[in-house]
Protein backbone atom coordinates (compact mmCIF):
# COMPACT_ATOMS: atom_id res chain seq x y z
CA MET A 1 12.86 8.92 43.27
CA PRO A 2 10.87 6.87 40.74
CA ALA A 3 12.35 3.78 39.13
CA PHE A 4 12.70 3.48 35.35
CA ALA A 5 13.10 0.35 33.25
CA TYR A 6 15.49 0.77 30.34
CA ARG A 7 16.70 -1.02 27.23
CA GLY A 8 19.92 0.04 25.53
CA ARG A 9 23.00 -0.97 23.58
CA ASP A 10 26.54 -1.19 24.87
CA ALA A 11 29.65 -0.13 22.94
CA ARG A 12 29.62 -3.44 21.02
CA GLY A 13 25.96 -3.15 20.11
CA GLY A 14 24.78 -5.75 22.62
CA LEU A 15 21.36 -5.42 24.24
CA VAL A 16 21.38 -4.19 27.85
CA THR A 17 18.31 -4.05 30.12
CA GLY A 18 17.76 -3.08 33.70
CA LYS A 19 16.38 -0.47 36.10
CA LEU A 20 17.65 2.84 37.40
CA GLU A 21 16.28 5.52 39.70
CA GLY A 22 16.18 9.11 38.52
CA ALA A 23 14.22 12.34 38.57
CA ASP A 24 12.99 11.77 35.00
CA THR A 25 13.82 9.91 31.78
CA GLY A 26 16.41 12.54 30.84
CA ALA A 27 18.31 11.97 34.07
CA VAL A 28 18.25 8.21 33.52
CA ALA A 29 19.50 8.68 29.94
CA ASP A 30 22.41 10.78 31.24
CA GLN A 31 23.31 8.02 33.71
CA LEU A 32 23.27 5.40 30.94
CA LEU A 33 25.39 7.49 28.58
CA ALA A 34 27.88 8.07 31.39
CA ILE A 35 28.45 4.31 31.71
CA GLY A 36 28.71 3.77 27.94
CA VAL A 37 25.16 2.55 27.25
CA THR A 38 23.09 4.15 24.49
CA PRO A 39 19.43 4.11 25.60
CA VAL A 40 16.87 2.63 23.21
CA GLU A 41 13.83 2.90 25.48
CA ILE A 42 13.22 4.27 28.94
CA SER A 43 9.86 3.83 30.66
CA GLN A 44 8.69 4.27 34.22
CA ALA A 45 8.35 0.95 36.01
CA GLY A 46 4.77 0.01 36.80
CA GLY A 47 3.22 -1.00 40.10
CA GLY A 48 5.29 -3.57 41.96
CA GLY A 49 8.42 -2.39 40.15
CA GLU A 50 7.91 -4.56 37.08
CA SER A 51 7.65 -3.24 33.52
CA ALA A 52 5.31 -4.76 30.95
CA PRO A 53 6.45 -8.12 29.56
CA ASP A 54 8.12 -8.14 26.14
CA TRP A 55 5.28 -10.05 24.45
CA TRP A 56 2.75 -7.43 25.57
CA ARG A 57 5.00 -4.57 24.49
CA LYS A 58 5.38 -6.11 21.03
CA PHE A 59 1.65 -6.79 20.74
CA SER A 60 0.64 -3.28 21.80
CA ALA A 61 3.35 -1.47 19.84
CA PRO A 62 1.94 0.93 17.20
CA ALA A 63 2.68 0.20 13.57
CA ILE A 64 5.24 2.31 11.70
CA THR A 65 3.49 3.80 8.67
CA ASP A 66 4.92 5.28 5.48
CA VAL A 67 3.94 8.72 6.79
CA ASP A 68 6.14 8.15 9.85
CA VAL A 69 9.12 7.27 7.64
CA MET A 70 8.39 10.27 5.40
CA LEU A 71 8.44 12.65 8.37
CA PHE A 72 11.59 11.00 9.68
CA SER A 73 13.28 11.52 6.30
CA ARG A 74 12.24 15.16 6.08
CA GLN A 75 13.36 15.89 9.64
CA MET A 76 16.72 14.19 9.07
CA TYR A 77 17.23 16.27 5.92
CA THR A 78 16.45 19.49 7.78
CA LEU A 79 18.71 18.68 10.74
CA LEU A 80 21.66 17.44 8.66
CA LYS A 81 21.40 20.40 6.29
CA ALA A 82 21.54 22.71 9.31
CA GLY A 83 24.83 21.09 10.36
CA VAL A 84 23.52 19.05 13.29
CA PRO A 85 25.70 15.94 13.89
CA ILE A 86 23.91 12.74 12.93
CA MET A 87 24.00 11.24 16.44
CA ARG A 88 22.49 14.37 17.93
CA ALA A 89 19.88 14.50 15.15
CA LEU A 90 18.83 10.91 15.83
CA ALA A 91 18.73 11.52 19.58
CA GLY A 92 16.47 14.52 19.10
CA LEU A 93 14.11 12.61 16.79
CA GLN A 94 14.00 9.67 19.18
CA GLN A 95 12.85 11.93 21.98
CA SER A 96 10.34 13.90 19.89
CA THR A 97 8.69 11.17 17.83
CA ALA A 98 5.11 10.34 18.81
CA ASN A 99 5.38 6.75 17.53
CA ARG A 100 6.95 4.57 20.20
CA SER A 101 7.88 1.86 17.69
CA LEU A 102 9.71 4.35 15.47
CA GLY A 103 11.45 5.70 18.56
CA GLU A 104 12.78 2.20 19.30
CA VAL A 105 14.02 1.85 15.71
CA ILE A 106 15.78 5.23 15.89
CA GLY A 107 17.32 4.21 19.21
CA ASP A 108 18.62 1.03 17.60
CA LEU A 109 20.09 3.09 14.75
CA ARG A 110 21.89 5.25 17.32
CA ALA A 111 23.25 2.19 19.09
CA SER A 112 24.49 0.71 15.82
CA LEU A 113 26.20 3.97 14.84
CA ASP A 114 27.77 4.17 18.29
CA ALA A 115 29.10 0.64 17.77
CA GLY A 116 30.81 1.73 14.54
CA ARG A 117 28.33 0.50 11.94
CA GLU A 118 27.21 2.57 8.96
CA LEU A 119 23.73 4.07 8.96
CA SER A 120 22.69 2.15 5.84
CA ALA A 121 23.84 -1.13 7.41
CA ALA A 122 21.85 -0.32 10.55
CA MET A 123 18.76 0.46 8.45
CA ARG A 124 19.10 -2.85 6.65
CA SER A 125 18.35 -4.53 10.00
CA HIS A 126 14.81 -3.07 9.82
CA PRO A 127 13.47 -4.20 6.40
CA ARG A 128 9.85 -3.56 7.41
CA VAL A 129 10.65 0.11 7.99
CA PHE A 130 13.32 0.87 5.38
CA SER A 131 12.95 -0.68 1.93
CA PRO A 132 15.98 -1.94 -0.06
CA PHE A 133 15.57 1.12 -2.29
CA TYR A 134 15.67 3.42 0.74
CA VAL A 135 18.81 1.72 2.08
CA SER A 136 20.54 1.91 -1.33
CA VAL A 137 19.95 5.65 -1.65
CA ILE A 138 21.16 6.28 1.91
CA ARG A 139 24.28 4.17 1.26
CA ILE A 140 25.10 6.27 -1.80
CA GLY A 141 24.59 9.41 0.29
CA GLU A 142 27.05 8.11 2.87
CA THR A 143 29.61 7.33 0.17
CA THR A 144 29.35 10.71 -1.56
CA GLY A 145 28.96 12.80 1.59
CA ASP A 146 25.55 13.93 0.39
CA LEU A 147 23.48 12.25 3.10
CA ASP A 148 21.14 15.19 3.69
CA GLN A 149 20.12 15.27 0.02
CA SER A 150 19.58 11.49 0.07
CA PHE A 151 17.06 11.89 2.88
CA ASN A 152 15.38 14.73 0.96
CA ARG A 153 15.18 12.63 -2.22
CA MET A 154 13.60 9.77 -0.30
CA PHE A 155 11.07 12.11 1.26
CA GLU A 156 10.08 13.43 -2.17
CA TYR A 157 9.88 9.93 -3.63
CA MET A 158 7.76 8.58 -0.75
CA GLU A 159 5.50 11.62 -0.97
CA PHE A 160 5.03 10.99 -4.70
CA ASP A 161 4.45 7.27 -4.10
CA LYS A 162 1.87 7.93 -1.39
CA ASP A 163 0.06 10.40 -3.65
CA ILE A 164 -0.15 7.80 -6.43
CA ARG A 165 -1.52 5.12 -4.07
CA ASP A 166 -4.04 7.53 -2.57
CA ARG A 167 -5.26 8.43 -6.05
CA ILE A 168 -5.75 4.77 -6.97
CA LYS A 169 -7.69 4.17 -3.74
CA ALA A 170 -9.85 7.20 -4.50
CA ALA A 171 -10.46 5.88 -8.02
CA VAL A 172 -11.83 2.52 -6.87
CA ARG A 173 -13.66 3.76 -3.76
CA TYR A 174 -16.81 4.91 -5.59
CA PRO A 175 -17.44 1.71 -7.61
CA VAL A 176 -16.73 -0.45 -4.55
CA ILE A 177 -19.28 1.47 -2.48
CA VAL A 178 -21.88 1.18 -5.26
CA LEU A 179 -21.29 -2.57 -5.61
CA VAL A 180 -21.66 -3.04 -1.85
CA VAL A 181 -24.93 -1.09 -1.90
CA ILE A 182 -26.24 -3.14 -4.85
CA SER A 183 -25.33 -6.38 -3.05
CA ALA A 184 -27.15 -5.22 0.08
CA ALA A 185 -30.21 -4.26 -2.01
CA VAL A 186 -30.26 -7.67 -3.71
CA ALA A 187 -30.09 -9.39 -0.31
CA VAL A 188 -32.97 -7.31 1.09
CA VAL A 189 -35.13 -7.98 -1.99
CA ASN A 190 -34.49 -11.73 -1.92
CA PHE A 191 -34.94 -12.20 1.82
CA PHE A 192 -37.83 -9.84 2.53
CA VAL A 193 -39.54 -8.25 -0.49
CA ILE A 194 -40.06 -11.19 -2.85
CA PRO A 195 -41.20 -13.64 -0.10
CA ALA A 196 -43.89 -11.14 0.97
CA PHE A 197 -45.23 -10.85 -2.58
CA ALA A 198 -44.94 -14.61 -3.09
CA LYS A 199 -47.41 -15.19 -0.25
CA ILE A 200 -49.88 -12.76 -1.85
CA PHE A 201 -49.58 -14.44 -5.24
CA GLU A 202 -49.99 -17.89 -3.70
CA SER A 203 -53.16 -16.87 -1.88
CA GLN A 204 -54.72 -15.53 -5.10
CA LYS A 205 -54.11 -18.76 -7.04
CA VAL A 206 -53.07 -16.95 -10.24
CA ALA A 207 -50.75 -18.19 -12.97
CA LEU A 208 -47.37 -16.52 -12.53
CA PRO A 209 -45.18 -15.30 -15.43
CA LEU A 210 -41.83 -16.97 -16.05
CA LEU A 211 -39.90 -13.95 -14.77
CA THR A 212 -41.83 -13.96 -11.49
CA ARG A 213 -41.30 -17.70 -11.04
CA LEU A 214 -37.57 -17.21 -11.58
CA LEU A 215 -37.43 -14.43 -8.99
CA ILE A 216 -39.37 -16.49 -6.45
CA GLY A 217 -37.15 -19.52 -7.13
CA MET A 218 -34.03 -17.44 -6.64
CA SER A 219 -35.44 -16.00 -3.43
CA ASP A 220 -36.29 -19.50 -2.12
CA PHE A 221 -32.78 -20.64 -2.95
CA PHE A 222 -31.27 -17.72 -1.00
CA ILE A 223 -33.54 -18.34 1.99
CA ASN A 224 -33.04 -22.13 2.11
CA TYR A 225 -29.35 -22.27 1.25
CA TRP A 226 -27.96 -18.98 2.57
CA TRP A 227 -25.56 -20.91 4.76
CA ALA A 228 -24.18 -22.79 1.74
CA ILE A 229 -23.82 -19.53 -0.22
CA LEU A 230 -22.04 -17.91 2.72
CA ALA A 231 -19.76 -20.93 3.17
CA ALA A 232 -18.95 -20.98 -0.54
CA LEU A 233 -18.22 -17.26 -0.52
CA VAL A 234 -15.92 -17.58 2.50
CA GLY A 235 -14.22 -20.59 0.90
CA VAL A 236 -13.63 -18.78 -2.37
CA ILE A 237 -12.22 -15.71 -0.60
CA ALA A 238 -9.98 -17.83 1.66
CA GLY A 239 -8.79 -19.90 -1.31
CA ALA A 240 -8.06 -16.76 -3.31
CA LEU A 241 -6.08 -15.25 -0.42
CA VAL A 242 -4.04 -18.44 -0.02
CA TYR A 243 -3.38 -18.61 -3.76
CA VAL A 244 -2.38 -14.95 -3.96
CA GLY A 245 -0.04 -15.60 -1.05
CA THR A 246 1.99 -17.96 -3.24
CA GLU A 247 4.59 -16.67 -5.69
CA GLN A 248 2.70 -17.91 -8.75
CA GLY A 249 -0.63 -16.65 -7.43
CA ARG A 250 0.79 -13.22 -6.65
CA TYR A 251 2.22 -12.99 -10.15
CA GLN A 252 -1.09 -13.94 -11.79
CA TRP A 253 -3.06 -11.51 -9.59
CA ASP A 254 -0.69 -8.63 -10.33
CA ARG A 255 -0.87 -9.45 -14.04
CA TRP A 256 -4.68 -9.61 -13.97
CA LYS A 257 -4.93 -6.28 -12.15
CA LEU A 258 -3.28 -4.54 -15.10
CA ARG A 259 -5.99 -5.90 -17.41
CA LEU A 260 -8.98 -4.83 -15.34
CA PRO A 261 -11.54 -2.80 -17.30
CA LEU A 262 -11.21 0.92 -16.57
CA ALA A 263 -8.97 0.52 -13.50
CA GLY A 264 -6.27 -1.58 -15.19
CA SER A 265 -4.85 1.27 -17.26
CA ILE A 266 -4.73 3.50 -14.17
CA ILE A 267 -2.83 0.87 -12.18
CA LEU A 268 -0.42 0.30 -15.09
CA ARG A 269 0.36 4.00 -15.53
CA ALA A 270 0.71 4.51 -11.79
CA THR A 271 3.16 1.60 -11.58
CA LEU A 272 5.18 2.96 -14.51
CA ALA A 273 5.21 6.39 -12.86
CA ARG A 274 6.64 4.84 -9.68
CA PHE A 275 9.26 3.00 -11.73
CA ALA A 276 10.30 6.10 -13.66
CA ARG A 277 10.40 8.27 -10.53
CA GLY A 278 12.47 5.66 -8.71
CA MET A 279 14.92 5.36 -11.61
CA ALA A 280 15.33 9.14 -11.81
CA LEU A 281 15.97 9.33 -8.08
CA ALA A 282 18.44 6.43 -8.08
CA ILE A 283 20.45 7.73 -11.06
CA ARG A 284 20.63 11.23 -9.57
CA ALA A 285 21.82 9.74 -6.30
CA GLY A 286 24.67 8.00 -8.15
CA VAL A 287 23.35 4.43 -8.10
CA PRO A 288 24.61 2.45 -11.15
CA ILE A 289 21.78 1.82 -13.60
CA VAL A 290 21.91 -1.98 -13.24
CA GLN A 291 21.74 -1.77 -9.46
CA ALA A 292 19.07 0.93 -9.73
CA MET A 293 16.84 -1.38 -11.76
CA SER A 294 17.38 -4.16 -9.24
CA VAL A 295 16.26 -2.08 -6.27
CA VAL A 296 13.44 -0.32 -8.16
CA SER A 297 12.04 -3.69 -9.30
CA GLU A 298 11.51 -4.54 -5.63
CA VAL A 299 9.47 -1.43 -4.80
CA VAL A 300 7.01 -1.20 -7.72
CA SER A 301 4.58 -3.43 -5.74
CA ASN A 302 3.67 -5.52 -8.79
CA SER A 303 5.43 -8.84 -9.40
CA HIS A 304 4.50 -8.87 -13.10
CA MET A 305 6.03 -5.43 -13.67
CA SER A 306 8.94 -6.38 -11.44
CA LEU A 307 9.73 -9.29 -13.76
CA ARG A 308 9.66 -6.97 -16.80
CA ILE A 309 12.06 -4.57 -15.06
CA ARG A 310 14.43 -7.40 -14.12
CA ASN A 311 14.41 -8.52 -17.75
CA MET A 312 15.44 -4.96 -18.71
CA ARG A 313 18.24 -5.15 -16.15
CA ASP A 314 19.45 -8.48 -17.52
CA GLY A 315 19.51 -7.03 -21.05
CA ILE A 316 21.60 -4.07 -19.91
CA GLU A 317 24.01 -6.45 -18.15
CA ARG A 318 24.44 -8.25 -21.50
CA GLY A 319 25.48 -4.97 -23.09
CA GLU A 320 22.19 -3.91 -24.66
CA THR A 321 21.08 -0.28 -24.60
CA VAL A 322 18.38 1.04 -22.30
CA LEU A 323 16.25 1.83 -25.36
CA ARG A 324 16.51 -1.71 -26.70
CA THR A 325 15.60 -3.32 -23.39
CA SER A 326 12.74 -0.84 -22.89
CA THR A 327 11.35 -1.67 -26.33
CA ALA A 328 11.61 -5.41 -25.66
CA ALA A 329 9.76 -4.97 -22.34
CA GLY A 330 6.64 -3.86 -24.23
CA ILE A 331 5.34 -1.65 -21.44
CA PHE A 332 6.22 1.84 -22.73
CA THR A 333 4.46 3.96 -25.32
CA PRO A 334 6.37 5.21 -28.41
CA VAL A 335 6.55 8.72 -26.92
CA VAL A 336 8.21 7.39 -23.76
CA LEU A 337 10.61 5.26 -25.80
CA GLU A 338 11.63 8.34 -27.75
CA MET A 339 12.29 10.22 -24.51
CA ILE A 340 14.40 7.33 -23.21
CA SER A 341 16.37 7.33 -26.47
CA VAL A 342 17.10 11.04 -26.20
CA GLY A 343 18.03 10.75 -22.53
CA GLU A 344 20.43 7.88 -23.22
CA GLU A 345 22.10 9.73 -26.08
CA THR A 346 22.52 13.00 -24.17
CA GLY A 347 23.49 11.44 -20.84
CA GLU A 348 20.47 12.99 -19.14
CA LEU A 349 18.52 9.83 -18.55
CA ASP A 350 17.63 10.88 -15.00
CA ASP A 351 15.95 14.08 -16.21
CA LEU A 352 14.09 12.25 -18.98
CA MET A 353 12.92 9.53 -16.56
CA ALA A 354 11.62 12.29 -14.27
CA GLU A 355 9.70 13.71 -17.24
CA VAL A 356 8.32 10.23 -17.98
CA ALA A 357 7.13 10.04 -14.37
CA ASP A 358 5.50 13.46 -14.69
CA MET A 359 3.76 12.42 -17.90
CA TYR A 360 2.39 9.20 -16.43
CA GLU A 361 1.32 11.07 -13.30
CA ARG A 362 -0.66 13.55 -15.41
CA GLU A 363 -2.29 10.66 -17.27
CA VAL A 364 -3.21 8.97 -13.98
CA ASP A 365 -4.66 12.21 -12.67
CA TYR A 366 -6.71 12.69 -15.85
CA GLU A 367 -8.04 9.12 -15.88
CA ILE A 368 -8.96 9.26 -12.20
CA LYS A 369 -10.88 12.49 -12.72
CA ASN A 370 -12.78 10.90 -15.61
CA LEU A 371 -13.27 7.50 -13.99
CA ALA A 372 -16.43 8.50 -12.14
CA ALA A 373 -17.90 9.92 -15.35
CA THR A 374 -17.10 6.64 -17.14
CA ILE A 375 -18.41 4.33 -14.43
CA GLU A 376 -21.58 6.29 -13.67
CA PRO A 377 -23.45 5.36 -16.90
CA ILE A 378 -22.50 1.69 -16.49
CA LEU A 379 -23.74 1.59 -12.90
CA THR A 380 -26.89 3.51 -13.88
CA VAL A 381 -27.70 0.96 -16.59
CA ALA A 382 -27.03 -1.93 -14.19
CA LEU A 383 -29.28 -0.42 -11.51
CA GLY A 384 -31.96 0.33 -14.10
CA ALA A 385 -31.88 -3.25 -15.38
CA MET A 386 -32.17 -4.63 -11.84
CA VAL A 387 -35.11 -2.35 -11.02
CA LEU A 388 -36.81 -3.25 -14.32
CA VAL A 389 -36.53 -6.98 -13.69
CA LEU A 390 -37.87 -6.62 -10.15
CA ALA A 391 -40.67 -4.30 -11.25
CA LEU A 392 -41.81 -6.60 -14.06
CA GLY A 393 -41.52 -9.67 -11.86
CA VAL A 394 -43.70 -8.08 -9.16
CA LEU A 395 -46.12 -5.95 -11.20
CA LEU A 396 -47.06 -8.49 -13.92
CA PRO A 397 -48.73 -10.87 -11.43
CA ILE A 398 -50.46 -7.90 -9.74
CA TRP A 399 -51.93 -6.93 -13.11
CA GLY A 400 -53.03 -10.52 -13.53
CA ILE A 401 -54.73 -10.45 -10.12
CA GLY A 402 -56.45 -7.19 -11.07
CA ASN A 403 -57.78 -8.69 -14.31
CA VAL A 404 -59.13 -11.74 -12.43
CA MET A 405 -60.91 -9.53 -9.91
CA LEU A 406 -62.44 -7.38 -12.70
CA LYS A 407 -63.83 -10.48 -14.44
CA LYS A 408 -65.49 -11.48 -11.19
């Protein structure tokens, strides 16, 4: 029979590794369960009886995407709602998942549950897979006995969040492509087109207009110092990445993004939609509003907005109303503030926050649809200006050469 290498957890949650012979992975799993070991991973041993080293397994492991976690949440909701015990549900998902890395995480969750830990505590051990917000909602579900609905709420929230991010990417894709094409066109003109015409003009010994001299000078600069331009560009990008990697740099970048022409308002509304949707979900799940603001501030993916939300939380902790702290934050429109006021007075803040999220989502959708129509005239004018400068810089000397030849 073939040999299989395994990794598992004992009754205390300790890591156990080794090899067993069996007809297949299912038979090996049954052997492990019989001796009190919960399998995390079972793989057939390679040639020579040795499995791949741990460093290679970690390097080659596929990444766990948000879509993987979304599908996991939806499947858990379906299984738990159908009455399947949680350990059996996790075992089934571990066997059926196509992502080996997610399978290992699910196996670790099973081992932790088998060792007596709560599911939320086990998820907290995987912060790259399950966000603090995700863990908080699952913990509330465990406390209230409403775990299946907690998984469903997280699926809906992650689906909404992914839709918002995809829309923002779609909004900036067109201008980015156009800017890349313009940059490539400028490079081709400076390295190939202008030098060819410069040789013609030089051979004719004609006086060149100022615009043509500027174009030729710029082309010579690109040709002679392209390495310096490239080095400076790489240095600026590397410096910017290092600065953004710092806490202060990240804050300034996130703040600047919200002030970008055209795209800034879309990013702001999308961020507010994520905040409102997260608050609605957390309140409906039973998370206290102060704790809800703490966890939501960590998942809005904007440090500037996160600071505003934490300031709102601090105001509520001091006894201020949600309306007062929202007004002081300065990030909501009067219509939204009115909705928050009504929701706070009627005790239906979760429903009103969901309506706020819907409103911002509609605004984002509208602005994205109109972004191309707004950017297109600007890009057309920019391209026209570039073509005009090049045409005048090239054609004026040609006209001068034609006049000289006619006089001859």
